[in-house]
Each structure stands twice: as structure tokens, then as C-alpha cells.
């Protein structure tokens, strides 16, 4: 093959690889993710920007296989078909057709790439993302309450906090008779816990806000009252010494008053910048998979999935909490479960086969584990002065389980256990992820001026949430829009 012909073939190969990669991404995302809540471009951009240390190896292998290797082999075969000098081709294919495609190969490659990119853009709602991002909102100038500028009054005896974030747990997991989407309730213990304790809308769950529909974004939204918005063209806004420098979190408020803050995760906390956020915003002690292995509290030979499954994490959490409770200072213990992550969760030795879907059985197992942990807490001396908050980080992105749920107004799970005695719950509220920030402080009997922090509202008050004030859809539309205030004051921390 002549040098010019070889260059043409290589360029054709690249064009076809990119075109096929776009199509493969569509099929991979369709099979592995339910695109709910935030525009998927935001989450994709975030994970492209931050380091992927600690990512689920199953998904990494899946992406490499389906989105890299498959289009690579496909593009190679098509290129060989068009440019290869095989005598068998003249017997099998019309040589004039092959000759025509070869002459017009670059044009054909460009057309294929253009069509596949347009298809990918439409599927991932790129036009919608660009349209929304190019709109500028004054939501923050109008409604944002800067927590850093507030004064906080603590009770004489400061209350402890245990904050449990449940991976992908939603009220859709209840039975239809109990307000859910299923023929059965696969999280009966969590349902009972919510029924016996505090919710603000008869145990109907909360709406996942834009910019809070994946785990680290939800953790930020619940603890700082803001979404995680992605800056276009910026690739270092998450580093070991910089992550939302203008945010002021629950952890920072508590740290300033002498609380011991701790975060427990069964995977590598570096993934998605979780370690950086919690260390910078509250000086949390990080107990993640790496820590537990290094301190020999967990045997790395028992590693499963992302690292440590929840049956071990809950047992280690009991040890952590007892150690914190033995100290003179109050504590804030935050933990994140992982077993119920999509697609089908992870089966452990405690799981039963009660339901037809694997993920439902994993949800059921997680529900029992949380119930066991809460019952254990109630038996401890520290419990009387401890508030426990349980919140699903977002709704499940499992494709198979979403098909079982069907057309349902999906909301994430939450409940508050043992808040301060003066906390009187309101009802019939429309709430979202941001509202947990000031509500958590109120549950600890921490007073501050007004009833709002960040974009959130204290649900123990009669103050309207922003979802109620604007209407959920209009408020969420404003949250999605670009904000100069957010960029300057929160993302980059300019004065």
C-alpha cells in the first residue's frame, strides 16, 4: 500500500473508531444507567475531570471493553474491508462498490462520525445542557444564605450526630400499598424506622436536586446546601488542596465548636474527591477501605467489589462510634453504604433470596443491617444525646430495577431519629437535597439567624423551602442555570 493510501486508511480508521465509540457509549449508558435528575453531561464531565482512583473496577472494565475495545475492533475490520488487498473480496463483494467507498472514505468517515456524535449528543441531552448553562441565573444573589457569615448558638450539652448515607435507597422500594412502586416492600425495616420517627411529608421521600444526583454531589448538597456544578473548560477544580473553597459545610460549623468529625466509607475515599471535600470542609478523620486495611482492622483478602462490603463496615462503625463516644468532645460520625449500588448491588452472606430481583434482595439485606445498627445505637449510653439521620444519597440508576419500578414519581429515602426535644416536625412539605443542611443543625439544637442556609430551609420551621416558594420545577430550572456568583464565590472562593 502506498504511503498516501496508508495515511488515508489510518485517518479513515480513526474516524470510524470515533463514530463507533459514540454509538457504543449510547448502548453502554442505556444498559447501565438510568439518566434521572441532573443532566447526565454534568456527571460525565465531573468524572472526566476528577481522578478515578478507587473507582469500581467492574465499571472500568466494562467501559474499556464496550466503549474502547469493541469500536476499536469494529473500526479495524471496516478499514481492512475497505483498504485491504484480499483476493476473496473480489469474489464476495462488488469491487466497484469497494472502490467507490475507498475513494470517498474520508467523506464517509466524517458523515458517520457526525451522525453518531449527533445521536450521542441528543441522547445525553447536550443541547439542553448548553442551553441551560448559557442562561445566567440570579438565584444565588436572590436566595443563597452564606453559612460562613452566620453565628451559631450551641446548647450547653452538645448533641452527637450519626449521619448514615444509604446508596441509592428510595421510597419506590416500598410496596404500592405503602406508597411505593413495587408489589412488595423490600426495605420493610427502613419503612418502619421512617414511620416511627420523623419525616416531613408522611414518609414520601425527598426530591433529588439538580447537581446532587450522584453520590459525591449529594454528599456536598446535604452538608453544604449547594449543588455540585461543573465548570466548562476547567480541569483542576478538584485537587488535594482545593474543592469548593467558598462552600461552608456542616462539618466546618461543628469542627469550630470542638466536634470530632469522622467519615467512614468502604471504598477508597479519594474517588470523586470525597476525601478532599471532607478534609477541607470540617477536617474529618477519614476511615476508608485503605485506612482499615493499613491499620489491620480489615483483611484485604476479604476485598469484594469496591473494597469493603457493608456487613464489615457496619461492624467497624460500631467500634468507631464507641471510640468517639468515649472522648470528652461531641462527635459527628458520617458513613456511606455501597452494597446497593447499581446495576444489581452485591450479594453477601447475609442476603436472602426473598424477591425475584437481585437488587431487591440486596436492598432488603441493607435494610436489616441499618435496623440492626440503629437498635445497637439505642442500647448505648451515648444514644440519649445523639441524633441519627438516615438519607438515601439519590435514586437508583439501575436499568433493570427501574423497569420494575416503572412510571413512578421517584424520591429518595430519609428519616430523622431522636432530634432535640424542641424540634416539632412540620408536615406536607416539598423538600429537596439542600434542605437537610439547616435541618440537621436544627435537629442538634443549634440556633442561627433565620431558618435558611445555602439553598436549604430548616424543615422544623414554617419557612417555605425554595421548592415550595418557586415550585419544584421552576426552582430546579434555576439551579441548573449558570451562576456567576456560584463560580466566583463558591467554586473558586473569590471574595
Protein backbone atom coordinates (compact mmCIF):
# COMPACT_ATOMS: atom_id res chain seq x y z
CA UNK A 1 0.00 0.00 0.00
CA UNK A 2 1.37 3.42 -0.97
CA UNK A 3 2.19 5.97 1.72
CA UNK A 4 -0.67 8.27 0.67
CA UNK A 5 -3.11 5.38 0.67
CA UNK A 6 -1.85 4.26 4.07
CA UNK A 7 -2.39 7.74 5.56
CA UNK A 8 -5.88 7.78 4.13
CA UNK A 9 -6.60 4.37 5.63
CA UNK A 10 -5.33 5.43 9.06
CA UNK A 11 -7.45 8.57 9.04
CA UNK A 12 -10.49 6.54 7.97
CA UNK A 13 -9.78 4.12 10.82
CA UNK A 14 -9.70 6.98 13.35
CA UNK A 15 -12.96 8.45 12.06
CA UNK A 16 -14.71 5.09 12.14
CA UNK A 17 -13.37 4.33 15.61
CA UNK A 18 -14.73 7.63 16.95
CA UNK A 19 -18.06 7.11 15.20
CA UNK A 20 -18.44 3.58 16.56
CA UNK A 21 -17.31 4.71 20.01
CA UNK A 22 -20.14 7.26 20.13
CA UNK A 23 -22.69 4.57 19.27
CA UNK A 24 -21.17 2.13 21.76
CA UNK A 25 -21.34 4.75 24.52
CA UNK A 26 -25.06 5.18 23.84
CA UNK A 27 -25.69 1.44 24.14
CA UNK A 28 -23.45 1.14 27.22
CA UNK A 29 -25.16 4.02 29.03
CA UNK A 30 -28.61 2.69 28.10
CA UNK A 31 -27.72 -0.69 29.56
CA UNK A 32 -26.02 0.55 32.71
CA UNK A 33 -27.53 3.88 33.76
CA UNK A 34 -30.93 5.44 34.26
CA UNK A 35 -30.45 9.09 33.44
CA UNK A 36 -32.56 10.78 36.11
CA UNK A 37 -32.18 14.09 37.90
CA UNK A 38 -29.25 16.18 36.77
CA UNK A 39 -28.45 16.35 33.09
CA UNK A 40 -26.08 13.38 32.57
CA UNK A 41 -23.47 15.62 30.93
CA UNK A 42 -22.78 17.19 34.34
CA UNK A 43 -21.92 13.89 35.96
CA UNK A 44 -19.92 12.69 32.96
CA UNK A 45 -17.89 15.92 32.90
CA UNK A 46 -17.23 15.64 36.63
CA UNK A 47 -15.89 12.10 36.42
CA UNK A 48 -13.81 13.02 33.37
CA UNK A 49 -12.24 15.90 35.29
CA UNK A 50 -11.52 14.30 38.67
CA UNK A 51 -9.20 11.38 39.22
CA UNK A 52 -10.76 7.91 39.11
CA UNK A 53 -8.67 6.35 41.87
CA UNK A 54 -10.88 3.96 43.80
CA UNK A 55 -13.47 3.60 41.04
CA UNK A 56 -15.47 0.39 40.75
CA UNK A 57 -13.24 -1.95 38.69
CA UNK A 58 -16.29 -3.68 37.18
CA UNK A 59 -17.40 -0.44 35.55
CA UNK A 60 -13.89 0.46 34.47
CA UNK A 61 -13.54 -2.90 32.75
CA UNK A 62 -16.98 -2.52 31.22
CA UNK A 63 -16.15 0.89 29.77
CA UNK A 64 -12.84 -0.34 28.36
CA UNK A 65 -14.47 -3.42 26.83
CA UNK A 66 -17.63 -1.91 25.40
CA UNK A 67 -16.59 1.68 24.65
CA UNK A 68 -12.97 1.17 23.59
CA UNK A 69 -12.21 -2.40 22.53
CA UNK A 70 -15.47 -3.06 20.65
CA UNK A 71 -15.27 0.09 18.47
CA UNK A 72 -11.53 -0.49 18.04
CA UNK A 73 -12.09 -3.97 16.60
CA UNK A 74 -15.08 -2.78 14.57
CA UNK A 75 -13.17 0.11 13.04
CA UNK A 76 -10.24 -2.18 12.24
CA UNK A 77 -12.45 -4.69 10.43
CA UNK A 78 -14.20 -1.98 8.40
CA UNK A 79 -10.85 -0.43 7.47
CA UNK A 80 -9.48 -3.78 6.37
CA UNK A 81 -12.61 -4.39 4.35
CA UNK A 82 -12.25 -1.10 2.52
CA UNK A 83 -8.47 -0.88 2.14
CA UNK A 84 -7.30 -4.48 2.49
CA UNK A 85 -5.97 -6.23 -0.61
CA UNK A 86 -7.71 -9.58 -0.22
CA UNK A 87 -8.45 -11.59 -3.32
CA UNK A 88 -11.52 -13.04 -1.60
CA UNK A 89 -13.11 -9.59 -1.59
CA UNK A 90 -13.47 -9.56 -5.35
CA UNK A 91 -15.45 -12.79 -5.16
CA UNK A 92 -17.65 -11.73 -2.23
CA UNK A 93 -18.25 -8.04 -2.77
CA UNK A 94 -18.82 -5.78 -5.75
CA UNK A 95 -15.34 -4.47 -6.42
CA UNK A 96 -16.83 -1.24 -7.85
CA UNK A 97 -18.59 -0.59 -4.54
CA UNK A 98 -15.37 -1.18 -2.60
CA UNK A 99 -13.52 1.12 -4.95
CA UNK A 100 -16.16 3.83 -4.53
CA UNK A 101 -16.08 3.60 -0.73
CA UNK A 102 -12.29 3.71 -0.79
CA UNK A 103 -12.29 6.89 -2.90
CA UNK A 104 -14.90 8.57 -0.70
CA UNK A 105 -13.67 7.03 2.56
CA UNK A 106 -12.83 10.29 4.33
CA UNK A 107 -16.18 11.85 3.45
CA UNK A 108 -17.99 8.68 4.53
CA UNK A 109 -15.99 8.58 7.78
CA UNK A 110 -16.81 12.21 8.54
CA UNK A 111 -20.51 11.68 7.84
CA UNK A 112 -20.58 8.61 10.08
CA UNK A 113 -18.81 10.48 12.86
CA UNK A 114 -21.13 13.47 12.54
CA UNK A 115 -24.27 11.32 12.63
CA UNK A 116 -23.09 9.25 15.58
CA UNK A 117 -21.98 12.35 17.52
CA UNK A 118 -25.36 13.99 16.96
CA UNK A 119 -27.08 10.82 18.16
CA UNK A 120 -24.90 10.74 21.29
CA UNK A 121 -25.49 14.44 21.94
CA UNK A 122 -29.25 14.05 21.69
CA UNK A 123 -29.26 11.01 23.95
CA UNK A 124 -27.11 12.71 26.60
CA UNK A 125 -29.14 15.92 26.22
CA UNK A 126 -26.09 18.01 25.29
CA UNK A 127 -28.19 20.72 23.56
CA UNK A 128 -30.26 21.05 26.74
CA UNK A 129 -27.10 21.30 28.85
CA UNK A 130 -25.64 24.03 26.63
CA UNK A 131 -28.94 25.90 26.56
CA UNK A 132 -29.29 25.85 30.33
CA UNK A 133 -25.62 26.59 31.00
CA UNK A 134 -25.65 29.64 28.74
CA UNK A 135 -28.54 31.10 30.77
CA UNK A 136 -27.43 33.13 33.77
CA UNK A 137 -29.47 32.90 36.95
CA UNK A 138 -29.54 35.32 39.89
CA UNK A 139 -30.77 32.57 42.20
CA UNK A 140 -27.73 32.87 44.48
CA UNK A 141 -27.89 36.66 44.64
CA UNK A 142 -31.59 36.39 45.49
CA UNK A 143 -31.80 33.35 47.73
CA UNK A 144 -28.41 31.99 48.81
CA UNK A 145 -27.70 32.40 52.53
CA UNK A 146 -23.95 32.24 53.10
CA UNK A 147 -23.37 29.92 56.10
CA UNK A 148 -19.89 31.33 56.64
CA UNK A 149 -21.33 34.70 57.61
CA UNK A 150 -23.70 33.31 60.25
CA UNK A 151 -23.33 32.98 64.01
CA UNK A 152 -24.32 29.67 65.57
CA UNK A 153 -25.52 29.11 69.12
CA UNK A 154 -24.98 25.64 70.59
CA UNK A 155 -26.70 24.09 73.60
CA UNK A 156 -24.72 23.69 76.83
CA UNK A 157 -24.62 19.95 76.24
CA UNK A 158 -23.83 19.50 72.58
CA UNK A 159 -25.61 16.69 70.82
CA UNK A 160 -23.78 13.99 68.86
CA UNK A 161 -24.66 13.24 65.24
CA UNK A 162 -24.65 9.96 63.32
CA UNK A 163 -25.36 10.61 59.66
CA UNK A 164 -25.95 7.49 57.54
CA UNK A 165 -26.00 7.94 53.76
CA UNK A 166 -27.58 4.98 52.00
CA UNK A 167 -26.51 4.25 48.45
CA UNK A 168 -29.43 4.61 46.00
CA UNK A 169 -32.22 3.95 48.52
CA UNK A 170 -35.58 5.44 47.56
CA UNK A 171 -39.20 5.28 48.66
CA UNK A 172 -40.06 3.49 45.42
CA UNK A 173 -38.75 0.40 47.22
CA UNK A 174 -41.90 0.36 49.36
CA UNK A 175 -44.94 -1.65 48.33
CA UNK A 176 -47.73 0.05 46.41
CA UNK A 177 -49.96 -0.24 49.46
CA UNK A 178 -47.35 1.74 51.44
CA UNK A 179 -46.90 4.44 48.81
CA UNK A 180 -44.11 2.78 46.83
CA UNK A 181 -43.85 1.30 43.35
CA UNK A 182 -43.45 -2.43 44.00
CA UNK A 183 -45.76 -5.35 44.68
CA UNK A 184 -43.69 -5.94 47.82
CA UNK A 185 -41.74 -3.83 50.29
CA UNK A 186 -38.08 -4.82 50.00
CA UNK A 187 -36.96 -2.41 52.75
CA UNK A 188 -39.56 -3.10 55.49
CA UNK A 189 -37.24 -2.17 58.36
CA UNK A 190 -36.36 1.19 56.80
CA UNK A 191 -40.05 1.80 56.16
CA UNK A 192 -40.86 1.10 59.79
CA UNK A 193 -38.00 3.27 61.03
CA UNK A 194 -39.28 6.20 58.96
CA UNK A 195 -42.86 5.60 60.12
CA UNK A 196 -41.79 5.57 63.77
CA UNK A 197 -39.57 8.64 63.50
CA UNK A 198 -39.60 11.98 61.70
CA UNK A 199 -40.34 12.74 58.09
CA UNK A 200 -41.96 15.94 56.88
CA UNK A 201 -44.33 14.51 54.29
CA UNK A 202 -45.74 11.24 55.64
CA UNK A 203 -42.72 9.17 54.61
CA UNK A 204 -42.92 10.04 50.92
CA UNK A 205 -39.19 10.78 50.48
CA UNK A 206 -37.41 13.85 49.14
CA UNK A 207 -36.75 15.20 45.65
CA UNK A 208 -33.18 14.84 44.42
CA UNK A 209 -32.00 18.29 43.36
CA UNK A 210 -30.04 19.02 40.17
CA UNK A 211 -26.34 18.84 40.84
CA UNK A 212 -26.97 16.29 43.59
CA UNK A 213 -27.92 13.15 41.68
CA UNK A 214 -24.68 11.21 42.14
CA UNK A 215 -23.02 10.31 45.40
CA UNK A 216 -20.35 12.95 45.99
CA UNK A 217 -22.68 15.66 44.67
CA UNK A 218 -25.38 14.54 47.10
CA UNK A 219 -22.91 14.48 50.00
CA UNK A 220 -21.98 18.07 49.20
CA UNK A 221 -25.59 19.19 48.76
CA UNK A 222 -26.71 17.62 52.05
CA UNK A 223 -23.83 19.08 54.04
CA UNK A 224 -23.37 22.49 52.35
CA UNK A 225 -26.76 23.29 50.83
CA UNK A 226 -25.41 23.73 47.30
CA UNK A 227 -25.27 21.72 44.07
CA UNK A 228 -22.05 20.47 42.55
CA UNK A 229 -21.86 22.42 39.31
CA UNK A 230 -19.22 21.59 36.72
CA UNK A 231 -17.09 24.39 35.26
CA UNK A 232 -16.64 24.05 31.49
CA UNK A 233 -13.00 24.29 30.47
CA UNK A 234 -11.64 23.83 34.00
CA UNK A 235 -9.80 20.60 34.76
CA UNK A 236 -8.30 21.19 38.19
CA UNK A 237 -11.15 22.46 40.32
CA UNK A 238 -10.90 19.26 42.41
CA UNK A 239 -7.42 18.75 43.85
CA UNK A 240 -5.92 17.63 47.15
CA UNK A 241 -5.92 21.23 48.38
CA UNK A 242 -8.89 22.74 46.54
CA UNK A 243 -12.52 21.60 46.36
CA UNK A 244 -15.28 24.23 46.52
CA UNK A 245 -13.23 26.63 48.68
CA UNK A 246 -16.18 29.02 49.02
CA UNK A 247 -18.51 26.39 50.47
CA UNK A 248 -19.07 26.33 54.23
CA UNK A 249 -20.28 22.98 55.47
CA UNK A 250 -21.92 21.26 58.40
CA UNK A 251 -18.51 19.77 59.26
CA UNK A 252 -16.89 23.21 59.48
CA UNK A 253 -19.60 24.52 61.77
CA UNK A 254 -19.25 21.51 64.07
CA UNK A 255 -15.43 21.46 63.96
CA UNK A 256 -15.32 25.08 65.10
CA UNK A 257 -17.28 24.04 68.19
CA UNK A 258 -14.94 21.19 69.08
CA UNK A 259 -16.68 18.24 67.43
CA UNK A 260 -14.70 15.20 66.30
CA UNK A 261 -15.72 14.70 62.67
CA UNK A 262 -15.26 11.30 61.06
CA UNK A 263 -16.19 9.86 57.64
CA UNK A 264 -16.39 6.08 57.13
CA UNK A 265 -16.50 4.58 53.63
CA UNK A 266 -15.93 1.01 52.49
CA UNK A 267 -14.17 2.13 49.30
CA UNK A 268 -11.27 4.46 48.52
CA UNK A 269 -12.33 7.92 49.73
CA UNK A 270 -10.17 9.60 47.08
CA UNK A 271 -12.67 8.53 44.41
CA UNK A 272 -14.65 11.56 43.18
CA UNK A 273 -12.73 13.81 45.57
CA UNK A 274 -14.73 12.74 48.64
CA UNK A 275 -11.59 12.66 50.80
CA UNK A 276 -10.59 16.16 49.70
CA UNK A 277 -14.02 17.65 50.34
CA UNK A 278 -14.39 16.23 53.85
CA UNK A 279 -10.83 17.01 54.88
CA UNK A 280 -11.06 20.60 53.64
CA UNK A 281 -14.56 21.19 54.96
CA UNK A 282 -14.53 20.04 58.56
CA UNK A 283 -11.15 18.36 58.94
CA UNK A 284 -12.79 14.93 59.04
CA UNK A 285 -10.80 11.89 60.03
CA UNK A 286 -11.16 9.55 57.06
CA UNK A 287 -11.77 5.87 57.73
CA UNK A 288 -11.96 4.33 54.27
CA UNK A 289 -11.01 0.98 52.79
CA UNK A 290 -7.33 1.92 52.65
CA UNK A 291 -7.30 3.06 56.27
CA UNK A 292 -9.00 -0.10 57.54
CA UNK A 293 -6.53 -2.29 55.62
CA UNK A 294 -3.47 -0.30 56.71
CA UNK A 295 -4.50 -0.45 60.37
CA UNK A 296 -5.28 -4.17 60.01
CA UNK A 297 -8.88 -3.68 61.08
CA UNK A 298 -9.89 -5.26 57.79
CA UNK A 299 -8.22 -8.11 55.93
CA UNK A 300 -7.59 -7.14 52.31
CA UNK A 301 -8.06 -10.82 51.37
CA UNK A 302 -11.79 -10.26 52.05
CA UNK A 303 -11.97 -7.49 49.47
CA UNK A 304 -15.13 -7.55 47.36
CA UNK A 305 -16.39 -5.24 44.65
CA UNK A 306 -15.17 -1.70 45.51
CA UNK A 307 -13.36 -2.82 48.62
CA UNK A 308 -15.30 -3.50 51.80
CA UNK A 309 -18.94 -4.58 51.70
CA UNK A 310 -21.40 -3.17 54.22
CA UNK A 311 -21.53 -6.17 56.57
CA UNK A 312 -17.98 -5.28 57.64
CA UNK A 313 -18.45 -1.52 57.50
CA UNK A 314 -21.33 -1.57 59.98
CA UNK A 315 -19.34 -3.65 62.45
CA UNK A 316 -16.37 -1.32 62.17
CA UNK A 317 -18.72 1.64 62.52
CA UNK A 318 -19.77 0.34 65.94
CA UNK A 319 -16.12 0.32 67.01
CA UNK A 320 -15.58 3.83 65.62
CA UNK A 321 -18.64 5.28 67.33
CA UNK A 322 -17.76 3.73 70.69
CA UNK A 323 -14.28 5.22 70.46
CA UNK A 324 -15.68 8.65 69.60
CA UNK A 325 -18.26 8.42 72.40
CA UNK A 326 -15.54 7.65 74.93
CA UNK A 327 -13.95 11.06 74.38
CA UNK A 328 -14.92 14.29 76.10
CA UNK A 329 -15.81 16.07 72.85
CA UNK A 330 -19.09 15.63 70.93
CA UNK A 331 -18.86 13.71 67.65
CA UNK A 332 -20.20 13.75 64.12
CA UNK A 333 -19.93 10.31 62.52
CA UNK A 334 -20.87 10.17 58.83
CA UNK A 335 -20.91 6.88 56.94
CA UNK A 336 -21.75 5.84 53.38
CA UNK A 337 -23.01 2.40 52.36
CA UNK A 338 -22.26 0.84 48.96
CA UNK A 339 -23.85 -2.61 48.59
CA UNK A 340 -26.97 -1.25 46.85
CA UNK A 341 -25.07 0.48 44.05
CA UNK A 342 -26.31 -0.28 40.54
CA UNK A 343 -26.52 -2.41 38.49
CA UNK A 344 -27.58 -5.26 40.75
CA UNK A 345 -25.80 -4.49 44.01
CA UNK A 346 -23.56 -7.02 45.68
CA UNK A 347 -24.74 -10.22 47.37
CA UNK A 348 -23.19 -11.01 50.75
CA UNK A 349 -23.55 -13.99 53.07
CA UNK A 350 -26.32 -12.18 54.95
CA UNK A 351 -28.53 -11.78 51.88
CA UNK A 352 -31.65 -13.89 51.41
CA UNK A 353 -33.48 -14.86 48.24
CA UNK A 354 -36.89 -13.40 49.07
CA UNK A 355 -37.54 -11.39 45.90
CA UNK A 356 -37.24 -12.04 42.15
CA UNK A 357 -34.67 -9.26 41.56
CA UNK A 358 -31.15 -9.45 42.96
CA UNK A 359 -31.07 -5.73 43.76
CA UNK A 360 -34.29 -6.07 45.76
CA UNK A 361 -32.64 -8.77 47.86
CA UNK A 362 -29.62 -6.53 48.40
CA UNK A 363 -31.90 -3.66 49.41
CA UNK A 364 -33.61 -5.99 51.89
CA UNK A 365 -30.26 -7.02 53.35
CA UNK A 366 -29.18 -3.39 53.66
CA UNK A 367 -32.47 -2.55 55.39
CA UNK A 368 -31.83 -5.25 58.00
CA UNK A 369 -28.27 -4.03 58.55
CA UNK A 370 -29.39 -0.46 59.16
CA UNK A 371 -32.08 -1.67 61.54
CA UNK A 372 -29.53 -3.75 63.47
CA UNK A 373 -27.19 -0.76 63.69
CA UNK A 374 -29.94 1.58 64.91
CA UNK A 375 -31.05 -0.94 67.53
CA UNK A 376 -27.44 -1.27 68.68
CA UNK A 377 -27.15 2.53 68.96
CA UNK A 378 -30.30 2.67 71.11
CA UNK A 379 -28.69 0.32 73.61
CA UNK A 380 -25.60 2.53 74.06
CA UNK A 381 -25.08 5.21 76.69
CA UNK A 382 -24.46 7.89 74.07
CA UNK A 383 -27.83 7.42 72.34
CA UNK A 384 -29.91 9.72 74.55
CA UNK A 385 -27.86 12.71 73.41
CA UNK A 386 -27.38 11.59 69.80
CA UNK A 387 -29.39 12.45 66.68
CA UNK A 388 -29.35 9.90 63.86
CA UNK A 389 -30.17 10.94 60.32
CA UNK A 390 -30.63 8.38 57.55
CA UNK A 391 -30.74 9.62 53.95
CA UNK A 392 -30.57 7.93 50.58
CA UNK A 393 -27.99 9.77 48.50
CA UNK A 394 -30.06 9.62 45.30
CA UNK A 395 -32.42 7.32 43.43
CA UNK A 396 -31.16 4.10 41.89
CA UNK A 397 -29.62 4.25 38.43
CA UNK A 398 -30.12 0.52 37.87
CA UNK A 399 -31.74 -0.04 34.47
CA UNK A 400 -33.28 -3.41 35.35
CA UNK A 401 -34.70 -2.27 38.67
CA UNK A 402 -36.03 0.94 37.13
CA UNK A 403 -38.01 -1.17 34.68
CA UNK A 404 -39.56 -2.98 37.65
CA UNK A 405 -40.40 0.37 39.29
CA UNK A 406 -41.94 1.67 36.08
CA UNK A 407 -43.53 5.11 35.69
CA UNK A 408 -43.36 6.43 39.23
CA UNK A 409 -42.55 9.77 40.85
CA UNK A 410 -39.30 8.65 42.37
CA UNK A 411 -37.96 10.19 45.56
CA UNK A 412 -35.04 9.29 47.80
CA UNK A 413 -35.46 7.93 51.33
CA UNK A 414 -34.88 9.88 54.56
CA UNK A 415 -35.78 10.00 58.24
CA UNK A 416 -34.57 11.74 61.41
CA UNK A 417 -34.27 9.81 64.66
CA UNK A 418 -34.05 11.34 68.14
CA UNK A 419 -33.68 15.05 67.33
CA UNK A 420 -33.61 17.64 70.10
CA UNK A 421 -36.82 17.67 72.15
CA UNK A 422 -37.75 21.17 70.95
CA UNK A 423 -37.86 20.07 67.30
CA UNK A 424 -41.51 19.89 66.25
CA UNK A 425 -41.87 18.44 62.73
CA UNK A 426 -43.95 20.20 60.12
CA UNK A 427 -45.83 18.16 57.51
CA UNK A 428 -46.90 18.15 53.86
CA UNK A 429 -43.58 19.67 52.88
CA UNK A 430 -41.95 19.72 49.46
CA UNK A 431 -38.26 19.27 50.17
CA UNK A 432 -35.06 18.53 48.29
CA UNK A 433 -31.45 17.62 48.99
CA UNK A 434 -30.36 21.12 50.09
CA UNK A 435 -32.86 21.24 52.97
CA UNK A 436 -31.01 18.63 55.03
CA UNK A 437 -28.20 21.10 55.81
CA UNK A 438 -30.09 23.57 58.05
CA UNK A 439 -32.49 20.84 59.23
CA UNK A 440 -29.57 18.78 60.56
CA UNK A 441 -28.28 21.74 62.54
CA UNK A 442 -31.75 22.38 63.95
CA UNK A 443 -32.06 18.72 64.98
CA UNK A 444 -28.92 19.23 67.10
CA UNK A 445 -30.48 22.27 68.80
CA UNK A 446 -28.07 24.63 67.03
CA UNK A 447 -29.63 28.07 66.53
CA UNK A 448 -28.82 30.53 63.76
CA UNK A 449 -30.45 33.67 62.43
CA UNK A 450 -33.39 32.93 60.17
CA UNK A 451 -34.30 29.42 59.03
CA UNK A 452 -32.21 29.06 55.90
CA UNK A 453 -28.62 28.13 54.99
CA UNK A 454 -27.20 27.79 51.50
CA UNK A 455 -30.20 26.96 49.32
CA UNK A 456 -31.80 24.90 52.07
CA UNK A 457 -34.55 25.55 54.60
CA UNK A 458 -34.95 24.25 58.15
CA UNK A 459 -37.85 21.81 57.84
CA UNK A 460 -38.65 22.11 61.56
CA UNK A 461 -39.70 25.70 60.86
CA UNK A 462 -42.69 27.12 58.99
CA UNK A 463 -40.39 28.84 56.49
CA UNK A 464 -41.06 27.88 52.87
CA UNK A 465 -38.48 25.72 51.15
CA UNK A 466 -37.33 27.09 47.82
CA UNK A 467 -39.17 24.19 46.17
CA UNK A 468 -42.34 25.47 47.80
CA UNK A 469 -41.63 29.12 47.10
CA UNK A 470 -40.86 28.78 43.39
CA UNK A 471 -42.47 25.44 42.64
CA UNK A 472 -40.19 22.44 42.32
CA UNK A 473 -39.77 22.51 38.54
CA UNK A 474 -39.08 26.26 38.37
CA UNK A 475 -36.65 26.09 41.28
CA UNK A 476 -34.77 23.16 39.77
CA UNK A 477 -34.60 25.01 36.46
CA UNK A 478 -32.91 27.93 38.22
CA UNK A 479 -30.48 25.59 39.99
CA UNK A 480 -29.40 24.15 36.64
CA UNK A 481 -28.62 27.55 35.17
CA UNK A 482 -25.18 29.11 35.22
CA UNK A 483 -24.43 31.41 38.13
CA UNK A 484 -21.58 33.91 38.23
CA UNK A 485 -21.99 34.10 42.00
CA UNK A 486 -21.55 30.33 42.31
CA UNK A 487 -18.43 30.40 40.14
CA UNK A 488 -16.80 33.35 41.85
CA UNK A 489 -17.73 32.81 45.50
CA UNK A 490 -18.22 29.05 45.87
CA UNK A 491 -16.35 27.26 43.10
CA UNK A 492 -13.24 29.47 43.21
CA UNK A 493 -13.67 31.14 46.61
CA UNK A 494 -13.11 34.71 45.43
CA UNK A 495 -14.19 37.42 47.85
